[in-house]
């Protein structure tokens, strides 16, 4: 994979991961206010961003599997860390929204 393609894939992980985390945070905030429709929309937005991030990651993994090894840099490690944090944060946001939903129902 060319350096430019690597950089684009890495930046895709960072950008879409960041978008997912932001949307998940907004989903929690909406649920805290009792706006569960908005919370669910924000979770869907977060999940859509995670899909896009996975496309970037898959591009990198495919190139590696085809023998086109890339140099692992701090930026590469950061992008993977950013993605994993966003996935965990989105999963936790879903649980927090569920807790808020139970609180508002009772």
N, C-alpha and C. Protein backbone atom coordinates (compact mmCIF):
# COMPACT_ATOMS: atom_id res chain seq x y z
N UNK A 1 0.85 -1.17 0.00
CA UNK A 1 0.00 0.00 0.00
C UNK A 1 0.89 1.23 0.00
N UNK A 2 0.56 2.19 -0.80
CA UNK A 2 1.35 3.41 -0.87
C UNK A 2 1.23 4.19 0.43
N UNK A 3 2.23 5.06 0.66
CA UNK A 3 2.22 5.88 1.86
C UNK A 3 0.96 6.75 1.93
N UNK A 4 0.54 7.32 0.81
CA UNK A 4 -0.66 8.17 0.80
C UNK A 4 -1.90 7.36 1.15
N UNK A 5 -2.01 6.15 0.62
CA UNK A 5 -3.16 5.29 0.94
C UNK A 5 -3.13 4.90 2.41
N UNK A 6 -1.94 4.62 2.95
CA UNK A 6 -1.81 4.31 4.37
C UNK A 6 -2.32 5.46 5.21
N UNK A 7 -1.86 6.64 4.87
CA UNK A 7 -2.24 7.83 5.63
C UNK A 7 -3.74 8.06 5.56
N UNK A 8 -4.33 7.87 4.40
CA UNK A 8 -5.78 8.05 4.26
C UNK A 8 -6.54 7.02 5.10
N UNK A 9 -6.08 5.79 5.11
CA UNK A 9 -6.74 4.75 5.91
C UNK A 9 -6.59 5.06 7.40
N UNK A 10 -5.40 5.46 7.81
CA UNK A 10 -5.14 5.81 9.21
C UNK A 10 -6.02 6.98 9.64
N UNK A 11 -6.06 8.01 8.81
CA UNK A 11 -6.86 9.18 9.14
C UNK A 11 -8.35 8.84 9.14
N UNK A 12 -8.76 7.88 8.31
CA UNK A 12 -10.14 7.41 8.32
C UNK A 12 -10.49 6.79 9.65
N UNK A 13 -9.57 5.98 10.18
CA UNK A 13 -9.80 5.37 11.50
C UNK A 13 -9.97 6.44 12.57
N UNK A 14 -9.09 7.42 12.55
CA UNK A 14 -9.13 8.48 13.56
C UNK A 14 -10.40 9.33 13.40
N UNK A 15 -10.70 9.73 12.18
CA UNK A 15 -11.85 10.61 11.95
C UNK A 15 -13.17 9.90 12.28
N UNK A 16 -13.38 8.73 11.70
CA UNK A 16 -14.64 8.03 11.93
C UNK A 16 -14.75 7.54 13.38
N UNK A 17 -13.63 7.13 13.96
CA UNK A 17 -13.66 6.74 15.37
C UNK A 17 -14.04 7.93 16.25
N UNK A 18 -13.48 9.08 15.95
CA UNK A 18 -13.81 10.29 16.72
C UNK A 18 -15.27 10.67 16.55
N UNK A 19 -15.77 10.56 15.33
CA UNK A 19 -17.19 10.86 15.09
C UNK A 19 -18.08 9.91 15.89
N UNK A 20 -17.72 8.64 15.91
CA UNK A 20 -18.52 7.65 16.65
C UNK A 20 -18.53 7.98 18.13
N UNK A 21 -17.40 8.31 18.67
CA UNK A 21 -17.33 8.62 20.10
C UNK A 21 -18.16 9.87 20.42
N UNK A 22 -18.06 10.88 19.59
CA UNK A 22 -18.84 12.11 19.79
C UNK A 22 -20.34 11.82 19.73
N UNK A 23 -20.76 11.05 18.74
CA UNK A 23 -22.17 10.71 18.62
C UNK A 23 -22.65 9.89 19.82
N UNK A 24 -21.81 8.99 20.29
CA UNK A 24 -22.18 8.18 21.46
C UNK A 24 -22.34 9.07 22.69
N UNK A 25 -21.46 10.04 22.84
CA UNK A 25 -21.55 10.97 23.98
C UNK A 25 -22.83 11.79 23.87
N UNK A 26 -23.16 12.25 22.67
CA UNK A 26 -24.40 13.00 22.46
C UNK A 26 -25.62 12.11 22.73
N UNK A 27 -25.50 10.84 22.43
CA UNK A 27 -26.61 9.91 22.71
C UNK A 27 -26.84 9.79 24.21
N UNK A 28 -25.78 9.70 24.97
CA UNK A 28 -25.92 9.63 26.43
C UNK A 28 -26.57 10.91 26.95
N UNK A 29 -26.11 12.04 26.45
CA UNK A 29 -26.66 13.32 26.89
C UNK A 29 -28.15 13.42 26.57
N UNK A 30 -28.54 12.97 25.39
CA UNK A 30 -29.95 13.00 25.02
C UNK A 30 -30.77 12.09 25.93
N UNK A 31 -30.26 10.91 26.21
CA UNK A 31 -30.98 9.99 27.09
C UNK A 31 -31.11 10.56 28.49
N UNK A 32 -30.10 11.23 28.95
CA UNK A 32 -30.13 11.85 30.28
C UNK A 32 -31.27 12.85 30.38
N UNK A 33 -31.58 13.51 29.25
CA UNK A 33 -32.68 14.49 29.20
C UNK A 33 -34.03 13.83 28.89
N UNK A 34 -34.01 12.52 28.64
CA UNK A 34 -35.24 11.81 28.33
C UNK A 34 -35.59 11.79 26.86
N UNK A 35 -34.71 12.26 26.00
CA UNK A 35 -34.97 12.28 24.55
C UNK A 35 -34.39 11.00 23.94
N UNK A 36 -35.15 9.92 24.06
CA UNK A 36 -34.66 8.61 23.63
C UNK A 36 -34.67 8.44 22.12
N UNK A 37 -35.52 9.17 21.43
CA UNK A 37 -35.49 9.13 19.97
C UNK A 37 -34.16 9.68 19.46
N UNK A 38 -33.76 10.82 20.01
CA UNK A 38 -32.47 11.40 19.61
C UNK A 38 -31.32 10.50 20.04
N UNK A 39 -31.41 9.93 21.22
CA UNK A 39 -30.37 9.03 21.70
C UNK A 39 -30.18 7.86 20.75
N UNK A 40 -31.29 7.27 20.32
CA UNK A 40 -31.19 6.13 19.39
C UNK A 40 -30.63 6.57 18.04
N UNK A 41 -31.02 7.75 17.57
CA UNK A 41 -30.48 8.25 16.31
C UNK A 41 -28.97 8.46 16.41
N UNK A 42 -28.53 9.01 17.52
CA UNK A 42 -27.09 9.24 17.71
C UNK A 42 -26.33 7.92 17.80
N UNK A 43 -26.92 6.92 18.39
CA UNK A 43 -26.28 5.59 18.43
C UNK A 43 -26.19 5.03 17.01
N UNK A 44 -27.25 5.20 16.22
CA UNK A 44 -27.19 4.74 14.82
C UNK A 44 -26.10 5.48 14.05
N UNK A 45 -25.98 6.79 14.31
CA UNK A 45 -24.92 7.57 13.67
C UNK A 45 -23.54 7.07 14.09
N UNK A 46 -23.39 6.77 15.38
CA UNK A 46 -22.11 6.25 15.88
C UNK A 46 -21.78 4.92 15.21
N UNK A 47 -22.77 4.06 15.11
CA UNK A 47 -22.54 2.76 14.49
C UNK A 47 -22.19 2.90 13.01
N UNK A 48 -22.80 3.85 12.33
CA UNK A 48 -22.48 4.09 10.91
C UNK A 48 -21.03 4.56 10.78
N UNK A 49 -20.59 5.41 11.68
CA UNK A 49 -19.19 5.87 11.65
C UNK A 49 -18.24 4.71 11.93
N UNK A 50 -18.63 3.83 12.84
CA UNK A 50 -17.78 2.67 13.13
C UNK A 50 -17.67 1.75 11.91
N UNK A 51 -18.73 1.62 11.15
CA UNK A 51 -18.68 0.82 9.92
C UNK A 51 -17.67 1.43 8.96
N UNK A 52 -17.72 2.75 8.81
CA UNK A 52 -16.76 3.42 7.93
C UNK A 52 -15.33 3.24 8.43
N UNK A 53 -15.14 3.31 9.74
CA UNK A 53 -13.81 3.10 10.31
C UNK A 53 -13.33 1.68 10.02
N UNK A 54 -14.25 0.73 10.14
CA UNK A 54 -13.87 -0.66 9.85
C UNK A 54 -13.48 -0.84 8.38
N UNK A 55 -14.10 -0.09 7.49
CA UNK A 55 -13.71 -0.16 6.08
C UNK A 55 -12.25 0.27 5.92
N UNK A 56 -11.87 1.34 6.62
CA UNK A 56 -10.47 1.78 6.56
C UNK A 56 -9.55 0.71 7.14
N UNK A 57 -9.95 0.14 8.25
CA UNK A 57 -9.13 -0.88 8.89
C UNK A 57 -9.02 -2.12 7.99
N UNK A 58 -10.12 -2.51 7.37
CA UNK A 58 -10.11 -3.67 6.48
C UNK A 58 -9.18 -3.44 5.29
N UNK A 59 -9.17 -2.22 4.79
CA UNK A 59 -8.27 -1.87 3.68
C UNK A 59 -6.82 -2.12 4.10
N UNK A 60 -6.48 -1.70 5.30
CA UNK A 60 -5.11 -1.89 5.79
C UNK A 60 -4.81 -3.38 6.01
N UNK A 61 -5.75 -4.10 6.59
CA UNK A 61 -5.55 -5.52 6.85
C UNK A 61 -5.44 -6.33 5.56
N UNK A 62 -6.22 -5.97 4.57
CA UNK A 62 -6.17 -6.66 3.28
C UNK A 62 -4.80 -6.49 2.64
N UNK A 63 -4.30 -5.28 2.65
CA UNK A 63 -2.97 -5.02 2.08
C UNK A 63 -1.90 -5.83 2.81
N UNK A 64 -2.00 -5.88 4.12
CA UNK A 64 -1.03 -6.65 4.91
C UNK A 64 -1.12 -8.14 4.56
N UNK A 65 -2.35 -8.66 4.45
CA UNK A 65 -2.54 -10.07 4.12
C UNK A 65 -2.02 -10.41 2.73
N UNK A 66 -2.00 -9.43 1.84
CA UNK A 66 -1.51 -9.65 0.48
C UNK A 66 0.01 -9.49 0.39
N UNK A 67 0.65 -9.29 1.53
CA UNK A 67 2.10 -9.19 1.56
C UNK A 67 2.64 -7.78 1.41
N UNK A 68 1.78 -6.81 1.36
CA UNK A 68 2.21 -5.41 1.28
C UNK A 68 2.31 -4.84 2.69
N UNK A 69 3.43 -5.11 3.31
CA UNK A 69 3.61 -4.71 4.71
C UNK A 69 3.80 -3.21 4.82
N UNK A 70 3.16 -2.66 5.84
CA UNK A 70 3.29 -1.23 6.08
C UNK A 70 4.13 -1.01 7.32
N UNK A 71 4.77 0.10 7.36
CA UNK A 71 5.56 0.46 8.52
C UNK A 71 4.59 0.94 9.60
N UNK A 72 4.70 0.35 10.78
CA UNK A 72 3.83 0.74 11.88
C UNK A 72 4.46 1.95 12.57
N UNK A 73 3.69 3.02 12.58
CA UNK A 73 4.15 4.26 13.20
C UNK A 73 3.29 4.55 14.42
N UNK A 74 3.67 5.57 15.16
CA UNK A 74 2.87 6.00 16.30
C UNK A 74 1.47 6.41 15.84
N UNK A 75 1.37 7.02 14.67
CA UNK A 75 0.07 7.41 14.13
C UNK A 75 -0.79 6.19 13.86
N UNK A 76 -0.19 5.12 13.37
CA UNK A 76 -0.92 3.88 13.12
C UNK A 76 -1.46 3.30 14.42
N UNK A 77 -0.61 3.24 15.42
CA UNK A 77 -1.01 2.72 16.73
C UNK A 77 -2.12 3.59 17.31
N UNK A 78 -1.95 4.90 17.21
CA UNK A 78 -2.96 5.83 17.72
C UNK A 78 -4.31 5.60 17.03
N UNK A 79 -4.29 5.37 15.73
CA UNK A 79 -5.55 5.18 15.00
C UNK A 79 -6.27 3.92 15.47
N UNK A 80 -5.52 2.85 15.69
CA UNK A 80 -6.12 1.61 16.18
C UNK A 80 -6.68 1.79 17.60
N UNK A 81 -5.93 2.48 18.43
CA UNK A 81 -6.37 2.76 19.79
C UNK A 81 -7.63 3.60 19.78
N UNK A 82 -7.66 4.59 18.90
CA UNK A 82 -8.81 5.48 18.77
C UNK A 82 -10.06 4.67 18.37
N UNK A 83 -9.90 3.77 17.44
CA UNK A 83 -11.02 2.95 16.99
C UNK A 83 -11.52 2.06 18.12
N UNK A 84 -10.62 1.38 18.80
CA UNK A 84 -11.04 0.46 19.86
C UNK A 84 -11.72 1.21 21.00
N UNK A 85 -11.23 2.39 21.34
CA UNK A 85 -11.86 3.20 22.38
C UNK A 85 -13.26 3.61 21.95
N UNK A 86 -13.41 3.97 20.70
CA UNK A 86 -14.73 4.39 20.19
C UNK A 86 -15.72 3.24 20.20
N UNK A 87 -15.26 2.06 19.87
CA UNK A 87 -16.13 0.88 19.91
C UNK A 87 -16.59 0.62 21.34
N UNK A 88 -15.66 0.63 22.27
CA UNK A 88 -16.01 0.40 23.67
C UNK A 88 -16.95 1.48 24.19
N UNK A 89 -16.67 2.73 23.83
CA UNK A 89 -17.49 3.84 24.29
C UNK A 89 -18.91 3.72 23.75
N UNK A 90 -19.05 3.34 22.49
CA UNK A 90 -20.38 3.19 21.89
C UNK A 90 -21.14 2.05 22.57
N UNK A 91 -20.47 0.95 22.84
CA UNK A 91 -21.11 -0.17 23.54
C UNK A 91 -21.58 0.25 24.93
N UNK A 92 -20.75 0.99 25.64
CA UNK A 92 -21.14 1.46 26.97
C UNK A 92 -22.27 2.48 26.89
N UNK A 93 -22.26 3.32 25.88
CA UNK A 93 -23.33 4.31 25.71
C UNK A 93 -24.68 3.61 25.57
N UNK A 94 -24.71 2.50 24.84
CA UNK A 94 -25.96 1.75 24.69
C UNK A 94 -26.48 1.27 26.05
N UNK A 95 -25.57 0.80 26.88
CA UNK A 95 -25.97 0.34 28.21
C UNK A 95 -26.45 1.50 29.08
N UNK A 96 -25.77 2.62 29.01
CA UNK A 96 -26.17 3.79 29.80
C UNK A 96 -27.54 4.29 29.35
N UNK A 97 -27.76 4.31 28.05
CA UNK A 97 -29.07 4.73 27.54
C UNK A 97 -30.16 3.81 28.05
N UNK A 98 -29.88 2.51 28.07
CA UNK A 98 -30.85 1.56 28.60
C UNK A 98 -31.15 1.84 30.07
N UNK A 99 -30.13 2.16 30.83
CA UNK A 99 -30.34 2.49 32.25
C UNK A 99 -31.20 3.75 32.41
N UNK A 100 -30.90 4.77 31.61
CA UNK A 100 -31.72 5.98 31.66
C UNK A 100 -33.16 5.68 31.26
N UNK A 101 -33.34 4.83 30.26
CA UNK A 101 -34.68 4.47 29.81
C UNK A 101 -35.45 3.81 30.94
N UNK A 102 -34.82 2.93 31.66
CA UNK A 102 -35.46 2.25 32.79
C UNK A 102 -35.81 3.25 33.90
N UNK A 103 -34.95 4.22 34.11
CA UNK A 103 -35.19 5.23 35.13
C UNK A 103 -36.40 6.08 34.78
N UNK A 104 -36.54 6.44 33.49
CA UNK A 104 -37.66 7.29 33.07
C UNK A 104 -38.98 6.51 33.04
N UNK A 105 -38.91 5.21 32.82
CA UNK A 105 -40.13 4.40 32.74
C UNK A 105 -40.72 4.17 34.12
N UNK A 106 -39.85 4.00 35.10
CA UNK A 106 -40.33 3.66 36.45
C UNK A 106 -40.98 4.79 37.16
